[in-house]
Amino acid sequence: MRNATLTQEKRREQRTLLIGAIVVTAAVIVAYVILPFSLHWRQREAELESARGRLAELTALTKNARALDSAAGAAERALATGGRRVIRARSATLAASALQSFLQDASDASNLVVTRLDVAADNGTPSDSAVMSGAGSIPATLSAHCDIVGLAELLSQFAQGPRVVHVERMTVQLNSALRGAPDMLQVTLSVRAPVIIE
């Protein structure tokens, strides 16, 4: 009788150990095999869905390329004929470059002979953090030889051109180096252009 009781207890212990081993094995399989596989599968499906969405966008853009090009051209023409705009750029360096290009183009259109063009020469180009909060400004100095008509044309471009540029100081002198051309002037302008860093 006692042997039968011991045998039953031993079987119960073995059954308990077997059930525990099965539970631990199942937990290990779930934790280290099924869950990682399921997470990897979901991540892969999300990546595939994102790629399908990008492919659909690119396909739509490719199909509508002509319409987009004509719309962009129309928008550019509307901006060119529109009012004056503040320089917008992704960084202060790009804003300074845009200001330099505008000043050079305005000088060329006014028949000025530019001798010096410094953008942000005195204060240095403002850091992106200094103007990141919104509007800032970039100083520039322009020196050139011109006649009075060219100077008037340049100032007119600053007043009515496509970019906002404020003249802070202007120095006009007769150019003593060009004695044979009494109407030639030496002009130095200190300007400041408001910029918005996007």
C-alpha atoms as a PDB file:
ATOM      1  CA  MET A   1       0.000   0.000   0.000  1.00  0.00           C
ATOM      2  CA  ARG A   2       2.783   2.283   0.948  1.00  0.00           C
ATOM      3  CA  ASN A   3       4.605   1.426  -2.263  1.00  0.00           C
ATOM      4  CA  ALA A   4       1.477   2.215  -4.258  1.00  0.00           C
ATOM      5  CA  THR A   5       1.187   5.595  -2.550  1.00  0.00           C
ATOM      6  CA  LEU A   6       4.861   6.359  -3.240  1.00  0.00           C
ATOM      7  CA  THR A   7       4.452   5.369  -6.866  1.00  0.00           C
ATOM      8  CA  GLN A   8       1.405   7.626  -7.253  1.00  0.00           C
ATOM      9  CA  GLU A   9       3.285  10.541  -5.666  1.00  0.00           C
ATOM     10  CA  LYS A  10       6.226   9.908  -7.951  1.00  0.00           C
ATOM     11  CA  ARG A  11       3.936   9.883 -10.992  1.00  0.00           C
ATOM     12  CA  ARG A  12       2.292  13.101  -9.797  1.00  0.00           C
ATOM     13  CA  GLU A  13       5.705  14.741  -9.406  1.00  0.00           C
ATOM     14  CA  GLN A  14       6.739  13.539 -12.850  1.00  0.00           C
ATOM     15  CA  ARG A  15       3.480  14.829 -14.323  1.00  0.00           C
ATOM     16  CA  THR A  16       3.977  18.202 -12.573  1.00  0.00           C
ATOM     17  CA  LEU A  17       7.560  18.407 -13.863  1.00  0.00           C
ATOM     18  CA  LEU A  18       6.409  17.453 -17.367  1.00  0.00           C
ATOM     19  CA  ILE A  19       3.659  20.100 -17.317  1.00  0.00           C
ATOM     20  CA  GLY A  20       6.163  22.691 -16.016  1.00  0.00           C
ATOM     21  CA  ALA A  21       8.661  21.773 -18.749  1.00  0.00           C
ATOM     22  CA  ILE A  22       5.928  22.055 -21.392  1.00  0.00           C
ATOM     23  CA  VAL A  23       4.858  25.480 -20.052  1.00  0.00           C
ATOM     24  CA  VAL A  24       8.476  26.746 -19.920  1.00  0.00           C
ATOM     25  CA  THR A  25       9.175  25.395 -23.427  1.00  0.00           C
ATOM     26  CA  ALA A  26       5.999  27.025 -24.763  1.00  0.00           C
ATOM     27  CA  ALA A  27       6.922  30.344 -23.102  1.00  0.00           C
ATOM     28  CA  VAL A  28      10.441  30.213 -24.582  1.00  0.00           C
ATOM     29  CA  ILE A  29       9.069  29.418 -28.038  1.00  0.00           C
ATOM     30  CA  VAL A  30       6.542  32.276 -27.799  1.00  0.00           C
ATOM     31  CA  ALA A  31       9.090  34.771 -26.409  1.00  0.00           C
ATOM     32  CA  TYR A  32      12.052  33.933 -28.660  1.00  0.00           C
ATOM     33  CA  VAL A  33      10.456  32.599 -31.848  1.00  0.00           C
ATOM     34  CA  ILE A  34       6.831  33.588 -32.391  1.00  0.00           C
ATOM     35  CA  LEU A  35       6.921  37.206 -31.061  1.00  0.00           C
ATOM     36  CA  PRO A  36      10.109  38.230 -32.941  1.00  0.00           C
ATOM     37  CA  PHE A  37       8.810  36.599 -36.117  1.00  0.00           C
ATOM     38  CA  SER A  38       5.467  38.384 -35.720  1.00  0.00           C
ATOM     39  CA  LEU A  39       7.162  41.758 -35.069  1.00  0.00           C
ATOM     40  CA  HIS A  40       9.471  41.282 -38.055  1.00  0.00           C
ATOM     41  CA  TRP A  41       6.490  40.322 -40.214  1.00  0.00           C
ATOM     42  CA  ARG A  42       4.516  43.418 -39.154  1.00  0.00           C
ATOM     43  CA  GLN A  43       7.519  45.682 -39.732  1.00  0.00           C
ATOM     44  CA  ARG A  44       8.069  44.167 -43.172  1.00  0.00           C
ATOM     45  CA  GLU A  45       4.400  44.635 -44.054  1.00  0.00           C
ATOM     46  CA  ALA A  46       4.536  48.281 -42.912  1.00  0.00           C
ATOM     47  CA  GLU A  47       7.666  48.879 -45.047  1.00  0.00           C
ATOM     48  CA  LEU A  48       6.005  47.236 -48.051  1.00  0.00           C
ATOM     49  CA  GLU A  49       2.883  49.364 -47.575  1.00  0.00           C
ATOM     50  CA  SER A  50       5.006  52.516 -47.332  1.00  0.00           C
ATOM     51  CA  ALA A  51       6.915  51.541 -50.485  1.00  0.00           C
ATOM     52  CA  ARG A  52       3.626  50.884 -52.306  1.00  0.00           C
ATOM     53  CA  GLY A  53       2.387  54.340 -51.272  1.00  0.00           C
ATOM     54  CA  ARG A  54       5.595  56.039 -52.471  1.00  0.00           C
ATOM     55  CA  LEU A  55       5.420  54.100 -55.739  1.00  0.00           C
ATOM     56  CA  ALA A  56       1.816  55.228 -56.256  1.00  0.00           C
ATOM     57  CA  GLU A  57       2.841  58.857 -55.577  1.00  0.00           C
ATOM     58  CA  LEU A  58       5.769  58.668 -57.997  1.00  0.00           C
ATOM     59  CA  THR A  59       3.586  57.059 -60.645  1.00  0.00           C
ATOM     60  CA  ALA A  60       0.998  59.829 -60.262  1.00  0.00           C
ATOM     61  CA  LEU A  61       3.738  62.491 -60.424  1.00  0.00           C
ATOM     62  CA  THR A  62       5.207  60.897 -63.543  1.00  0.00           C
ATOM     63  CA  LYS A  63       1.816  60.785 -65.236  1.00  0.00           C
ATOM     64  CA  ASN A  64       1.173  64.449 -64.366  1.00  0.00           C
ATOM     65  CA  ALA A  65       4.704  65.752 -65.074  1.00  0.00           C
ATOM     66  CA  ARG A  66       3.638  68.130 -67.843  1.00  0.00           C
ATOM     67  CA  ALA A  67       0.773  69.560 -65.826  1.00  0.00           C
ATOM     68  CA  LEU A  68       3.063  70.027 -62.809  1.00  0.00           C
ATOM     69  CA  ASP A  69       5.735  71.731 -64.937  1.00  0.00           C
ATOM     70  CA  SER A  70       3.213  74.134 -66.431  1.00  0.00           C
ATOM     71  CA  ALA A  71       1.714  74.864 -62.986  1.00  0.00           C
ATOM     72  CA  ALA A  72       5.193  75.530 -61.569  1.00  0.00           C
ATOM     73  CA  GLY A  73       5.983  77.840 -64.492  1.00  0.00           C
ATOM     74  CA  ALA A  74       2.722  79.716 -63.990  1.00  0.00           C
ATOM     75  CA  ALA A  75       3.395  80.068 -60.268  1.00  0.00           C
ATOM     76  CA  GLU A  76       6.914  81.345 -60.964  1.00  0.00           C
ATOM     77  CA  ARG A  77       5.587  83.897 -63.465  1.00  0.00           C
ATOM     78  CA  ALA A  78       2.932  85.009 -60.979  1.00  0.00           C
ATOM     79  CA  LEU A  79       5.584  85.479 -58.310  1.00  0.00           C
ATOM     80  CA  ALA A  80       7.847  87.382 -60.717  1.00  0.00           C
ATOM     81  CA  THR A  81       5.059  89.792 -61.661  1.00  0.00           C
ATOM     82  CA  GLY A  82       3.713  90.013 -58.123  1.00  0.00           C
ATOM     83  CA  GLY A  83       4.703  92.346 -55.338  1.00  0.00           C
ATOM     84  CA  ARG A  84       7.990  92.585 -53.563  1.00  0.00           C
ATOM     85  CA  ARG A  85       9.025  89.628 -51.468  1.00  0.00           C
ATOM     86  CA  VAL A  86      11.310  89.028 -48.526  1.00  0.00           C
ATOM     87  CA  ILE A  87      14.159  86.601 -49.158  1.00  0.00           C
ATOM     88  CA  ARG A  88      13.257  83.140 -47.898  1.00  0.00           C
ATOM     89  CA  ALA A  89      15.874  80.409 -47.568  1.00  0.00           C
ATOM     90  CA  ARG A  90      16.654  77.229 -45.667  1.00  0.00           C
ATOM     91  CA  SER A  91      19.768  78.707 -44.050  1.00  0.00           C
ATOM     92  CA  ALA A  92      21.403  82.071 -43.467  1.00  0.00           C
ATOM     93  CA  THR A  93      24.152  81.151 -45.931  1.00  0.00           C
ATOM     94  CA  LEU A  94      21.626  80.508 -48.706  1.00  0.00           C
ATOM     95  CA  ALA A  95      19.837  83.771 -47.864  1.00  0.00           C
ATOM     96  CA  ALA A  96      23.146  85.670 -48.138  1.00  0.00           C
ATOM     97  CA  SER A  97      23.798  84.009 -51.486  1.00  0.00           C
ATOM     98  CA  ALA A  98      20.334  84.992 -52.740  1.00  0.00           C
ATOM     99  CA  LEU A  99      20.924  88.601 -51.650  1.00  0.00           C
ATOM    100  CA  GLN A 100      24.301  88.658 -53.388  1.00  0.00           C
ATOM    101  CA  SER A 101      22.738  87.334 -56.607  1.00  0.00           C
ATOM    102  CA  PHE A 102      19.978  89.948 -56.458  1.00  0.00           C
ATOM    103  CA  LEU A 103      22.429  92.810 -55.875  1.00  0.00           C
ATOM    104  CA  GLN A 104      24.666  91.635 -58.734  1.00  0.00           C
ATOM    105  CA  ASP A 105      21.702  91.257 -61.118  1.00  0.00           C
ATOM    106  CA  ALA A 106      20.314  94.688 -60.172  1.00  0.00           C
ATOM    107  CA  SER A 107      23.760  96.261 -60.695  1.00  0.00           C
ATOM    108  CA  ASP A 108      24.184  94.589 -64.083  1.00  0.00           C
ATOM    109  CA  ALA A 109      20.708  95.688 -65.177  1.00  0.00           C
ATOM    110  CA  SER A 110      21.539  99.284 -64.138  1.00  0.00           C
ATOM    111  CA  ASN A 111      24.866  99.287 -66.035  1.00  0.00           C
ATOM    112  CA  LEU A 112      26.991  99.628 -62.912  1.00  0.00           C
ATOM    113  CA  VAL A 113      30.583  98.422 -62.842  1.00  0.00           C
ATOM    114  CA  VAL A 114      30.752  96.639 -59.482  1.00  0.00           C
ATOM    115  CA  THR A 115      34.128  96.984 -57.776  1.00  0.00           C
ATOM    116  CA  ARG A 116      33.184  95.355 -54.475  1.00  0.00           C
ATOM    117  CA  LEU A 117      30.218  93.363 -53.238  1.00  0.00           C
ATOM    118  CA  ASP A 118      30.354  92.100 -49.653  1.00  0.00           C
ATOM    119  CA  VAL A 119      27.357  90.375 -48.159  1.00  0.00           C
ATOM    120  CA  ALA A 120      27.382  90.390 -44.354  1.00  0.00           C
ATOM    121  CA  ALA A 121      31.034  91.540 -44.408  1.00  0.00           C
ATOM    122  CA  ASP A 122      30.989  93.599 -41.212  1.00  0.00           C
ATOM    123  CA  ASN A 123      28.866  91.443 -38.966  1.00  0.00           C
ATOM    124  CA  GLY A 124      29.514  88.095 -40.635  1.00  0.00           C
ATOM    125  CA  THR A 125      26.716  85.983 -41.994  1.00  0.00           C
ATOM    126  CA  PRO A 126      24.152  85.666 -39.245  1.00  0.00           C
ATOM    127  CA  SER A 127      23.971  82.249 -37.718  1.00  0.00           C
ATOM    128  CA  ASP A 128      20.959  80.105 -38.516  1.00  0.00           C
ATOM    129  CA  SER A 129      19.978  80.122 -34.845  1.00  0.00           C
ATOM    130  CA  ALA A 130      20.006  83.933 -34.780  1.00  0.00           C
ATOM    131  CA  VAL A 131      17.324  84.184 -37.470  1.00  0.00           C
ATOM    132  CA  MET A 132      15.699  80.762 -37.008  1.00  0.00           C
ATOM    133  CA  SER A 133      12.929  82.245 -34.887  1.00  0.00           C
ATOM    134  CA  GLY A 134      11.532  84.058 -37.930  1.00  0.00           C
ATOM    135  CA  ALA A 135      12.645  87.239 -39.578  1.00  0.00           C
ATOM    136  CA  GLY A 136      16.192  88.540 -39.433  1.00  0.00           C
ATOM    137  CA  SER A 137      18.258  90.643 -41.782  1.00  0.00           C
ATOM    138  CA  ILE A 138      21.500  90.413 -43.728  1.00  0.00           C
ATOM    139  CA  PRO A 139      23.731  93.451 -44.325  1.00  0.00           C
ATOM    140  CA  ALA A 140      25.651  94.046 -47.558  1.00  0.00           C
ATOM    141  CA  THR A 141      28.019  96.645 -48.986  1.00  0.00           C
ATOM    142  CA  LEU A 142      28.105  97.472 -52.695  1.00  0.00           C
ATOM    143  CA  SER A 143      30.739  99.680 -54.339  1.00  0.00           C
ATOM    144  CA  ALA A 144      30.520 100.535 -58.025  1.00  0.00           C
ATOM    145  CA  HIS A 145      31.320 103.025 -60.795  1.00  0.00           C
ATOM    146  CA  CYS A 146      28.325 104.464 -62.631  1.00  0.00           C
ATOM    147  CA  ASP A 147      26.694 107.593 -63.927  1.00  0.00           C
ATOM    148  CA  ILE A 148      23.719 109.334 -62.340  1.00  0.00           C
ATOM    149  CA  VAL A 149      21.256 107.466 -64.588  1.00  0.00           C
ATOM    150  CA  GLY A 150      22.651 104.086 -63.511  1.00  0.00           C
ATOM    151  CA  LEU A 151      22.467 105.089 -59.845  1.00  0.00           C
ATOM    152  CA  ALA A 152      18.851 106.221 -60.256  1.00  0.00           C
ATOM    153  CA  GLU A 153      18.017 102.925 -61.986  1.00  0.00           C
ATOM    154  CA  LEU A 154      19.642 100.910 -59.190  1.00  0.00           C
ATOM    155  CA  LEU A 155      17.755 102.799 -56.488  1.00  0.00           C
ATOM    156  CA  SER A 156      14.543 102.314 -58.474  1.00  0.00           C
ATOM    157  CA  GLN A 157      15.175  98.562 -58.549  1.00  0.00           C
ATOM    158  CA  PHE A 158      15.703  98.571 -54.788  1.00  0.00           C
ATOM    159  CA  ALA A 159      12.454 100.500 -54.320  1.00  0.00           C
ATOM    160  CA  GLN A 160      10.302  98.524 -56.757  1.00  0.00           C
ATOM    161  CA  GLY A 161      12.198  95.304 -57.489  1.00  0.00           C
ATOM    162  CA  PRO A 162      11.125  91.786 -56.614  1.00  0.00           C
ATOM    163  CA  ARG A 163      13.115  91.728 -53.346  1.00  0.00           C
ATOM    164  CA  VAL A 164      12.880  93.976 -50.310  1.00  0.00           C
ATOM    165  CA  VAL A 165      16.192  95.808 -49.812  1.00  0.00           C
ATOM    166  CA  HIS A 166      16.633  98.822 -47.523  1.00  0.00           C
ATOM    167  CA  VAL A 167      19.402 101.350 -48.242  1.00  0.00           C
ATOM    168  CA  GLU A 168      20.930 102.351 -44.897  1.00  0.00           C
ATOM    169  CA  ARG A 169      23.753 104.561 -46.136  1.00  0.00           C
ATOM    170  CA  MET A 170      24.855 105.885 -49.507  1.00  0.00           C
ATOM    171  CA  THR A 171      28.075 107.675 -50.412  1.00  0.00           C
ATOM    172  CA  VAL A 172      28.420 109.284 -53.838  1.00  0.00           C
ATOM    173  CA  GLN A 173      31.706 110.865 -55.027  1.00  0.00           C
ATOM    174  CA  LEU A 174      33.090 112.041 -58.304  1.00  0.00           C
ATOM    175  CA  ASN A 175      35.563 109.444 -59.485  1.00  0.00           C
ATOM    176  CA  SER A 176      38.941 111.211 -59.580  1.00  0.00           C
ATOM    177  CA  ALA A 177      40.546 108.258 -61.342  1.00  0.00           C
ATOM    178  CA  LEU A 178      38.349 108.767 -64.403  1.00  0.00           C
ATOM    179  CA  ARG A 179      39.128 112.428 -65.156  1.00  0.00           C
ATOM    180  CA  GLY A 180      38.140 112.070 -68.816  1.00  0.00           C
ATOM    181  CA  ALA A 181      34.612 111.045 -67.809  1.00  0.00           C
ATOM    182  CA  PRO A 182      33.289 113.853 -65.575  1.00  0.00           C
ATOM    183  CA  ASP A 183      29.864 112.216 -65.196  1.00  0.00           C
ATOM    184  CA  MET A 184      31.256 109.000 -63.666  1.00  0.00           C
ATOM    185  CA  LEU A 185      30.573 108.497 -59.968  1.00  0.00           C
ATOM    186  CA  GLN A 186      32.012 106.276 -57.273  1.00  0.00           C
ATOM    187  CA  VAL A 187      29.046 104.922 -55.290  1.00  0.00           C
ATOM    188  CA  THR A 188      29.125 102.962 -52.040  1.00  0.00           C
ATOM    189  CA  LEU A 189      25.853 101.612 -50.656  1.00  0.00           C
ATOM    190  CA  SER A 190      25.222  99.914 -47.341  1.00  0.00           C
ATOM    191  CA  VAL A 191      22.037  97.906 -47.590  1.00  0.00           C
ATOM    192  CA  ARG A 192      20.140  95.489 -45.409  1.00  0.00           C
ATOM    193  CA  ALA A 193      17.677  92.861 -46.611  1.00  0.00           C
ATOM    194  CA  PRO A 194      15.123  91.184 -44.361  1.00  0.00           C
ATOM    195  CA  VAL A 195      15.229  87.390 -44.561  1.00  0.00           C
ATOM    196  CA  ILE A 196      13.106  84.529 -43.289  1.00  0.00           C
ATOM    197  CA  ILE A 197      14.816  81.237 -42.541  1.00  0.00           C
ATOM    198  CA  GLU A 198      12.401  78.383 -43.158  1.00  0.00           C
END
